[in-house]
C-alpha atoms as a PDB file:
ATOM      1  CA  MET A   1     -94.134  42.827 141.410  1.00  0.00           C
ATOM      2  CA  ARG A   2     -96.972  45.124 140.346  1.00  0.00           C
ATOM      3  CA  VAL A   3     -99.639  45.250 137.654  1.00  0.00           C
ATOM      4  CA  THR A   4     -98.331  47.811 135.133  1.00  0.00           C
ATOM      5  CA  GLY A   5    -101.509  49.009 133.420  1.00  0.00           C
ATOM      6  CA  GLY A   6    -105.287  49.038 133.306  1.00  0.00           C
ATOM      7  CA  ARG A   7    -107.804  48.957 136.129  1.00  0.00           C
ATOM      8  CA  TRP A   8    -105.466  47.229 138.639  1.00  0.00           C
ATOM      9  CA  ARG A   9    -102.402  49.299 137.771  1.00  0.00           C
ATOM     10  CA  GLY A  10    -100.051  49.474 140.747  1.00  0.00           C
ATOM     11  CA  ARG A  11    -101.608  46.522 142.611  1.00  0.00           C
ATOM     12  CA  VAL A  12     -98.988  44.234 144.134  1.00  0.00           C
ATOM     13  CA  LEU A  13     -99.020  40.529 143.231  1.00  0.00           C
ATOM     14  CA  ARG A  14     -97.837  37.805 145.571  1.00  0.00           C
ATOM     15  CA  VAL A  15     -94.825  35.680 144.588  1.00  0.00           C
ATOM     16  CA  PRO A  16     -94.145  32.236 146.081  1.00  0.00           C
ATOM     17  CA  PRO A  17     -91.009  32.007 148.221  1.00  0.00           C
ATOM     18  CA  GLY A  18     -87.940  30.342 146.746  1.00  0.00           C
ATOM     19  CA  ARG A  19     -86.539  30.175 143.242  1.00  0.00           C
ATOM     20  CA  GLN A  20     -89.020  27.836 141.550  1.00  0.00           C
ATOM     21  CA  VAL A  21     -90.907  30.759 139.970  1.00  0.00           C
ATOM     22  CA  ARG A  22     -89.280  33.431 137.813  1.00  0.00           C
ATOM     23  CA  PRO A  23     -92.007  36.071 137.410  1.00  0.00           C
ATOM     24  CA  THR A  24     -92.037  38.228 134.298  1.00  0.00           C
ATOM     25  CA  THR A  25     -90.529  41.573 135.268  1.00  0.00           C
ATOM     26  CA  ASP A  26     -92.679  44.684 135.276  1.00  0.00           C
ATOM     27  CA  ARG A  27     -90.558  46.139 132.449  1.00  0.00           C
ATOM     28  CA  VAL A  28     -91.030  43.121 130.183  1.00  0.00           C
ATOM     29  CA  ARG A  29     -94.768  42.873 130.941  1.00  0.00           C
ATOM     30  CA  GLN A  30     -95.267  46.543 130.197  1.00  0.00           C
ATOM     31  CA  ALA A  31     -93.339  46.251 126.908  1.00  0.00           C
ATOM     32  CA  LEU A  32     -95.307  43.142 125.913  1.00  0.00           C
ATOM     33  CA  PHE A  33     -98.694  44.729 126.502  1.00  0.00           C
ATOM     34  CA  ASN A  34     -97.659  47.975 124.837  1.00  0.00           C
ATOM     35  CA  ILE A  35     -96.807  45.935 121.717  1.00  0.00           C
ATOM     36  CA  LEU A  36    -100.127  44.067 121.836  1.00  0.00           C
ATOM     37  CA  GLY A  37    -102.026  47.314 122.407  1.00  0.00           C
ATOM     38  CA  ALA A  38    -105.770  47.303 121.797  1.00  0.00           C
ATOM     39  CA  SER A  39    -105.810  43.642 120.691  1.00  0.00           C
ATOM     40  CA  VAL A  40    -106.034  42.681 124.390  1.00  0.00           C
ATOM     41  CA  GLU A  41    -109.427  44.380 124.815  1.00  0.00           C
ATOM     42  CA  GLY A  42    -112.134  41.684 124.961  1.00  0.00           C
ATOM     43  CA  ALA A  43    -109.616  38.878 124.387  1.00  0.00           C
ATOM     44  CA  ARG A  44    -109.880  35.279 125.552  1.00  0.00           C
ATOM     45  CA  VAL A  45    -106.488  34.517 127.122  1.00  0.00           C
ATOM     46  CA  LEU A  46    -104.658  31.235 127.725  1.00  0.00           C
ATOM     47  CA  ASP A  47    -101.727  31.556 130.156  1.00  0.00           C
ATOM     48  CA  LEU A  48     -99.479  28.470 130.074  1.00  0.00           C
ATOM     49  CA  PHE A  49     -96.918  27.964 132.874  1.00  0.00           C
ATOM     50  CA  ALA A  50     -98.889  30.721 134.632  1.00  0.00           C
ATOM     51  CA  GLY A  51     -96.810  30.950 137.823  1.00  0.00           C
ATOM     52  CA  THR A  52     -98.091  33.975 139.744  1.00  0.00           C
ATOM     53  CA  GLY A  53    -100.604  34.714 136.991  1.00  0.00           C
ATOM     54  CA  SER A  54     -98.995  38.066 136.214  1.00  0.00           C
ATOM     55  CA  LEU A  55     -99.409  37.790 132.426  1.00  0.00           C
ATOM     56  CA  ALA A  56    -103.096  36.830 132.504  1.00  0.00           C
ATOM     57  CA  ILE A  57    -103.807  39.314 135.299  1.00  0.00           C
ATOM     58  CA  GLU A  58    -102.146  42.068 133.277  1.00  0.00           C
ATOM     59  CA  ALA A  59    -104.326  41.126 130.285  1.00  0.00           C
ATOM     60  CA  LEU A  60    -107.497  41.123 132.418  1.00  0.00           C
ATOM     61  CA  SER A  61    -106.507  44.459 133.937  1.00  0.00           C
ATOM     62  CA  ARG A  62    -106.187  45.864 130.405  1.00  0.00           C
ATOM     63  CA  GLY A  63    -109.621  44.664 129.304  1.00  0.00           C
ATOM     64  CA  ALA A  64    -109.355  40.986 128.380  1.00  0.00           C
ATOM     65  CA  ARG A  65    -112.708  39.207 128.735  1.00  0.00           C
ATOM     66  CA  GLU A  66    -111.548  35.946 130.335  1.00  0.00           C
ATOM     67  CA  ALA A  67    -108.445  33.935 131.120  1.00  0.00           C
ATOM     68  CA  LEU A  68    -107.572  30.284 131.577  1.00  0.00           C
ATOM     69  CA  LEU A  69    -104.417  29.967 133.685  1.00  0.00           C
ATOM     70  CA  VAL A  70    -102.523  26.666 133.663  1.00  0.00           C
ATOM     71  CA  GLU A  71    -100.036  25.900 136.460  1.00  0.00           C
ATOM     72  CA  ALA A  72     -98.830  22.421 137.464  1.00  0.00           C
ATOM     73  CA  ASP A  73     -97.135  23.145 140.799  1.00  0.00           C
ATOM     74  CA  PRO A  74     -99.748  22.989 143.618  1.00  0.00           C
ATOM     75  CA  ARG A  75     -97.898  25.475 145.864  1.00  0.00           C
ATOM     76  CA  VAL A  76     -97.546  27.992 143.051  1.00  0.00           C
ATOM     77  CA  ALA A  77    -101.179  27.446 142.006  1.00  0.00           C
ATOM     78  CA  ARG A  78    -102.267  28.380 145.551  1.00  0.00           C
ATOM     79  CA  VAL A  79    -100.393  31.711 145.309  1.00  0.00           C
ATOM     80  CA  LEU A  80    -101.899  32.248 141.850  1.00  0.00           C
ATOM     81  CA  ALA A  81    -105.419  31.635 143.201  1.00  0.00           C
ATOM     82  CA  GLN A  82    -104.719  34.064 146.070  1.00  0.00           C
ATOM     83  CA  ASN A  83    -103.602  36.751 143.583  1.00  0.00           C
ATOM     84  CA  LEU A  84    -106.904  36.321 141.746  1.00  0.00           C
ATOM     85  CA  ARG A  85    -108.899  36.521 144.996  1.00  0.00           C
ATOM     86  CA  ASP A  86    -106.963  39.640 146.066  1.00  0.00           C
ATOM     87  CA  LEU A  87    -108.195  41.334 142.885  1.00  0.00           C
ATOM     88  CA  GLY A  88    -111.771  40.184 143.404  1.00  0.00           C
ATOM     89  CA  LEU A  89    -111.504  37.497 140.712  1.00  0.00           C
ATOM     90  CA  ALA A  90    -112.834  34.362 142.327  1.00  0.00           C
ATOM     91  CA  PRO A  91    -111.301  31.452 140.406  1.00  0.00           C
ATOM     92  CA  GLY A  92    -114.029  30.084 138.161  1.00  0.00           C
ATOM     93  CA  GLY A  93    -115.453  33.421 136.979  1.00  0.00           C
ATOM     94  CA  SER A  94    -113.584  35.359 134.313  1.00  0.00           C
ATOM     95  CA  ALA A  95    -110.376  33.657 135.512  1.00  0.00           C
ATOM     96  CA  VAL A  96    -110.184  29.867 135.657  1.00  0.00           C
ATOM     97  CA  VAL A  97    -107.168  27.967 137.028  1.00  0.00           C
ATOM     98  CA  TRP A  98    -106.250  24.480 135.810  1.00  0.00           C
ATOM     99  CA  ARG A  99    -103.688  22.744 137.981  1.00  0.00           C
ATOM    100  CA  GLN A 100    -101.969  20.552 135.411  1.00  0.00           C
ATOM    101  CA  ASP A 101     -99.026  20.277 133.065  1.00  0.00           C
ATOM    102  CA  ALA A 102     -99.148  22.943 130.331  1.00  0.00           C
ATOM    103  CA  LEU A 103     -98.538  20.519 127.439  1.00  0.00           C
ATOM    104  CA  ALA A 104    -101.247  18.183 128.764  1.00  0.00           C
ATOM    105  CA  ALA A 105    -103.617  21.163 128.978  1.00  0.00           C
ATOM    106  CA  VAL A 106    -102.882  22.066 125.340  1.00  0.00           C
ATOM    107  CA  ALA A 107    -103.674  18.480 124.288  1.00  0.00           C
ATOM    108  CA  LYS A 108    -106.887  18.562 126.340  1.00  0.00           C
ATOM    109  CA  LEU A 109    -107.970  21.882 124.803  1.00  0.00           C
ATOM    110  CA  ALA A 110    -107.305  20.572 121.292  1.00  0.00           C
ATOM    111  CA  GLY A 111    -110.088  18.027 121.776  1.00  0.00           C
ATOM    112  CA  GLY A 112    -112.678  20.785 122.176  1.00  0.00           C
ATOM    113  CA  SER A 113    -113.716  23.800 120.179  1.00  0.00           C
ATOM    114  CA  ARG A 114    -112.062  26.436 122.381  1.00  0.00           C
ATOM    115  CA  THR A 115    -109.666  28.925 120.821  1.00  0.00           C
ATOM    116  CA  PHE A 116    -107.913  31.955 122.284  1.00  0.00           C
ATOM    117  CA  ASP A 117    -107.159  35.471 121.060  1.00  0.00           C
ATOM    118  CA  LEU A 118    -103.978  35.571 123.121  1.00  0.00           C
ATOM    119  CA  VAL A 119    -101.840  32.650 124.263  1.00  0.00           C
ATOM    120  CA  VAL A 120     -98.948  33.536 126.568  1.00  0.00           C
ATOM    121  CA  ALA A 121     -96.366  31.032 127.748  1.00  0.00           C
ATOM    122  CA  ASP A 122     -93.495  31.506 130.173  1.00  0.00           C
ATOM    123  CA  PRO A 123     -91.960  28.040 130.573  1.00  0.00           C
ATOM    124  CA  PRO A 124     -88.955  27.362 132.810  1.00  0.00           C
ATOM    125  CA  TYR A 125     -85.732  28.359 131.083  1.00  0.00           C
ATOM    126  CA  ARG A 126     -83.190  25.891 129.659  1.00  0.00           C
ATOM    127  CA  GLN A 127     -85.469  22.848 129.758  1.00  0.00           C
ATOM    128  CA  GLY A 128     -86.411  22.776 126.069  1.00  0.00           C
ATOM    129  CA  LEU A 129     -90.048  23.591 126.839  1.00  0.00           C
ATOM    130  CA  ALA A 130     -90.392  26.847 124.864  1.00  0.00           C
ATOM    131  CA  PRO A 131     -90.070  25.264 121.382  1.00  0.00           C
ATOM    132  CA  ARG A 132     -92.257  22.351 122.476  1.00  0.00           C
ATOM    133  CA  VAL A 133     -95.101  24.580 123.647  1.00  0.00           C
ATOM    134  CA  VAL A 134     -94.966  26.665 120.444  1.00  0.00           C
ATOM    135  CA  ALA A 135     -95.172  23.462 118.390  1.00  0.00           C
ATOM    136  CA  ALA A 136     -98.017  22.053 120.488  1.00  0.00           C
ATOM    137  CA  VAL A 137    -100.138  25.219 120.295  1.00  0.00           C
ATOM    138  CA  GLY A 138     -99.377  25.695 116.586  1.00  0.00           C
ATOM    139  CA  GLN A 139    -100.272  22.108 115.655  1.00  0.00           C
ATOM    140  CA  ARG A 140    -103.540  22.204 117.583  1.00  0.00           C
ATOM    141  CA  GLY A 141    -104.869  25.487 116.209  1.00  0.00           C
ATOM    142  CA  LEU A 142    -105.621  27.112 119.573  1.00  0.00           C
ATOM    143  CA  VAL A 143    -104.965  30.700 118.405  1.00  0.00           C
ATOM    144  CA  THR A 144    -107.863  32.496 116.688  1.00  0.00           C
ATOM    145  CA  ALA A 145    -107.421  34.099 113.290  1.00  0.00           C
ATOM    146  CA  GLY A 146    -105.899  37.487 114.036  1.00  0.00           C
ATOM    147  CA  GLY A 147    -104.763  36.308 117.479  1.00  0.00           C
ATOM    148  CA  TRP A 148    -101.329  36.136 119.082  1.00  0.00           C
ATOM    149  CA  MET A 149     -99.079  33.662 120.819  1.00  0.00           C
ATOM    150  CA  VAL A 150     -96.247  35.199 122.832  1.00  0.00           C
ATOM    151  CA  VAL A 151     -93.515  33.093 124.427  1.00  0.00           C
ATOM    152  CA  GLU A 152     -91.125  34.395 127.054  1.00  0.00           C
ATOM    153  CA  HIS A 153     -87.842  32.488 126.911  1.00  0.00           C
ATOM    154  CA  ASP A 154     -84.107  32.502 127.434  1.00  0.00           C
ATOM    155  CA  PRO A 155     -82.553  34.566 124.593  1.00  0.00           C
ATOM    156  CA  ARG A 156     -80.021  31.779 123.995  1.00  0.00           C
ATOM    157  CA  GLU A 157     -82.865  29.401 123.196  1.00  0.00           C
ATOM    158  CA  SER A 158     -83.830  29.192 119.536  1.00  0.00           C
ATOM    159  CA  LEU A 159     -87.533  29.056 118.728  1.00  0.00           C
ATOM    160  CA  PRO A 160     -88.893  27.961 115.347  1.00  0.00           C
ATOM    161  CA  ASP A 161     -89.870  30.500 112.690  1.00  0.00           C
ATOM    162  CA  ARG A 162     -92.926  28.404 111.948  1.00  0.00           C
ATOM    163  CA  ALA A 163     -94.819  25.827 114.016  1.00  0.00           C
ATOM    164  CA  GLY A 164     -97.952  24.227 112.601  1.00  0.00           C
ATOM    165  CA  GLY A 165    -100.336  27.064 111.822  1.00  0.00           C
ATOM    166  CA  LEU A 166     -98.208  29.734 113.532  1.00  0.00           C
ATOM    167  CA  VAL A 167     -95.454  31.901 112.103  1.00  0.00           C
ATOM    168  CA  LYS A 168     -93.007  34.059 114.090  1.00  0.00           C
ATOM    169  CA  VAL A 169     -93.590  37.717 113.245  1.00  0.00           C
ATOM    170  CA  ASP A 170     -91.364  39.451 115.801  1.00  0.00           C
ATOM    171  CA  ALA A 171     -88.785  38.830 118.511  1.00  0.00           C
ATOM    172  CA  ARG A 172     -87.558  41.225 121.194  1.00  0.00           C
ATOM    173  CA  ARG A 173     -84.851  40.999 123.822  1.00  0.00           C
ATOM    174  CA  TYR A 174     -84.899  42.601 127.251  1.00  0.00           C
ATOM    175  CA  GLY A 175     -81.659  41.691 129.038  1.00  0.00           C
ATOM    176  CA  ASP A 176     -81.895  38.019 130.043  1.00  0.00           C
ATOM    177  CA  THR A 177     -85.428  37.689 128.635  1.00  0.00           C
ATOM    178  CA  ALA A 178     -86.640  37.253 125.059  1.00  0.00           C
ATOM    179  CA  LEU A 179     -90.174  37.501 123.720  1.00  0.00           C
ATOM    180  CA  SER A 180     -91.161  35.709 120.509  1.00  0.00           C
ATOM    181  CA  PHE A 181     -94.433  36.740 118.852  1.00  0.00           C
ATOM    182  CA  TYR A 182     -96.439  34.359 116.670  1.00  0.00           C
ATOM    183  CA  ARG A 183     -99.541  34.874 114.534  1.00  0.00           C
ATOM    184  CA  PRO A 184    -101.696  32.308 112.734  1.00  0.00           C
ATOM    185  CA  VAL A 185    -101.115  31.779 109.039  1.00  0.00           C
ATOM    186  CA  VAL A 186    -104.001  32.900 106.816  1.00  0.00           C
ATOM    187  CA  GLU A 187    -105.376  29.857 104.973  1.00  0.00           C
ATOM    188  CA  GLY A 188    -104.210  29.620 101.375  1.00  0.00           C
ATOM    189  CA  LYS A 189    -102.030  32.725 101.544  1.00  0.00           C
ATOM    190  CA  GLY A 190     -99.115  31.624 103.705  1.00  0.00           C
ATOM    191  CA  GLU A 191     -99.195  35.040 105.339  1.00  0.00           C
ATOM    192  CA  THR A 192    -100.284  36.425 108.659  1.00  0.00           C
ATOM    193  CA  PRO A 193    -103.289  38.727 109.000  1.00  0.00           C
END
């Protein structure tokens, strides 16, 4: 698995052994970031169910300002931290790793004043987590006005058209992977920016 664009383009990322992690393919990552385009530049990124960190690392490579990566599994979090170190990103600088459950992290973040320009989530397939994470992020207002939430999920899994302050604006399918794109609703207009 390689970084597909930006300053670390072509750099190889480590993947933990076994089947517990299903990294986002290079093709899907490249398509995702091509869709997001220049909105990634200078963004504050929240990566839920971070796994190897490939989504946040791709965003940082393409000019994102900072990233908070949330991964519950300690073995996977170690590989994630090593990927950051390999790129010269000591955890705690522009990339911070929280080793905890993604939904608990969303609840914790809701208590503060932190918001994100880009929230990416790649929960395990067929466990009902994708709709739950969309609802949690949407209800807690973690996406800035003009920001994005993108969820990678099983294409057979149905995600809501609206969740709290988020509305689905696009959905794409790439083989066995689907991406659902959400934007915040503009207050009083019921529309997205």
